[in-house]
Each structure stands twice: as C-alpha cells, then as structure tokens.
Amino acid sequence: MSVLLSNGKMLVAGGKGAAGDLASLEVFTPGTNKFLLDASLRIPRARHTATVLASGDVLIAGGENTSGPV
C-alpha cells in the first residue's frame, strides 16, 4: 500500500514479502529514486488502507496478516 505525501514523496507501508507479512514503512523520493526506511508498523499487515489526514499525518487502518484480521 502506498500514499502520496504533500511533499511529493511516497509512503509505502506493509504488504506481503517472501518471508511473510511486512511491518516496514518506507519513503520513496522520486528525485533520487531511493527508498529510505522510516519506521515500522506495530503489527505487520497487508490489504490495509492508508489516508493522508489534513494534518499531514497518515492513518493506516485494517488489513490482515497470517493471524487473521488486524
């Protein structure tokens, strides 16, 4: 899942990888074509939603992981 931030960067959160569900939060900068690890989700998840709030914060909600719904 990814969302476009107001600064033109892209936040990429969670998902599924070869080792299972991901908890990573990475920021992609188009000008440099680089991803930087930003933080981690408290609970690894996939199939979730993300909404950029008026404050600029990002709300990540729902989804699922190998344990079921999050």
Protein backbone atom coordinates (compact mmCIF):
# COMPACT_ATOMS: atom_id res chain seq x y z
CA MET A 1 0.00 0.00 0.00
CA SER A 2 1.26 3.47 -0.77
CA VAL A 3 0.08 7.07 -0.50
CA LEU A 4 1.36 10.30 -1.99
CA LEU A 5 2.51 12.81 0.62
CA SER A 6 2.17 16.58 0.32
CA ASN A 7 5.95 16.93 -0.19
CA GLY A 8 5.79 14.78 -3.35
CA LYS A 9 7.29 11.71 -1.67
CA MET A 10 5.52 8.36 -1.48
CA LEU A 11 4.95 6.45 1.77
CA VAL A 12 4.97 2.67 1.30
CA ALA A 13 3.59 0.69 4.24
CA GLY A 14 3.44 -3.02 4.99
CA GLY A 15 2.38 -5.61 2.47
CA LYS A 16 3.48 -9.15 1.70
CA GLY A 17 7.05 -10.26 1.12
CA ALA A 18 8.86 -13.54 0.55
CA ALA A 19 9.17 -14.04 4.33
CA GLY A 20 5.53 -13.14 5.06
CA ASP A 21 3.69 -10.01 6.18
CA LEU A 22 5.70 -6.78 6.35
CA ALA A 23 5.73 -4.12 9.04
CA SER A 24 8.07 -1.70 7.27
CA LEU A 25 7.34 1.94 6.49
CA GLU A 26 9.49 3.33 3.70
CA VAL A 27 9.58 6.69 1.99
CA PHE A 28 10.29 6.86 -1.74
CA THR A 29 11.81 10.07 -3.10
CA PRO A 30 11.18 10.39 -6.86
CA GLY A 31 14.04 12.88 -7.40
CA THR A 32 16.65 10.40 -6.18
CA ASN A 33 14.81 7.15 -6.99
CA LYS A 34 15.65 5.94 -3.46
CA PHE A 35 13.69 4.26 -0.70
CA LEU A 36 14.54 5.08 2.91
CA LEU A 37 13.35 3.01 5.85
CA ASP A 38 11.31 5.35 8.05
CA ALA A 39 9.77 3.30 10.85
CA SER A 40 7.75 0.15 11.45
CA LEU A 41 4.10 -0.67 11.85
CA ARG A 42 3.27 -2.03 15.30
CA ILE A 43 1.60 -5.03 13.64
CA PRO A 44 2.70 -6.45 10.25
CA ARG A 45 -0.18 -6.27 7.78
CA ALA A 46 -1.34 -6.44 4.18
CA ARG A 47 -4.58 -5.39 2.44
CA HIS A 48 -4.91 -2.34 4.67
CA THR A 49 -5.83 1.25 3.85
CA ALA A 50 -3.94 4.49 4.30
CA THR A 51 -5.34 8.01 4.37
CA VAL A 52 -3.40 11.25 4.47
CA LEU A 53 -5.08 13.48 7.05
CA ALA A 54 -5.35 17.28 6.86
CA SER A 55 -2.55 17.49 9.45
CA GLY A 56 -0.23 15.59 7.08
CA ASP A 57 -0.23 12.51 9.31
CA VAL A 58 -1.09 9.17 7.71
CA LEU A 59 -3.76 6.91 9.20
CA ILE A 60 -3.21 3.22 8.48
CA ALA A 61 -6.16 1.00 9.32
CA GLY A 62 -7.44 -2.52 8.93
CA GLY A 63 -5.88 -5.23 6.88
CA GLU A 64 -4.88 -8.76 7.70
CA ASN A 65 -1.86 -10.88 8.47
CA THR A 66 -1.21 -14.58 8.97
CA SER A 67 -3.09 -14.40 12.29
CA GLY A 68 -6.24 -13.03 10.61
CA PRO A 69 -7.87 -9.59 10.52
CA VAL A 70 -5.93 -6.75 12.15
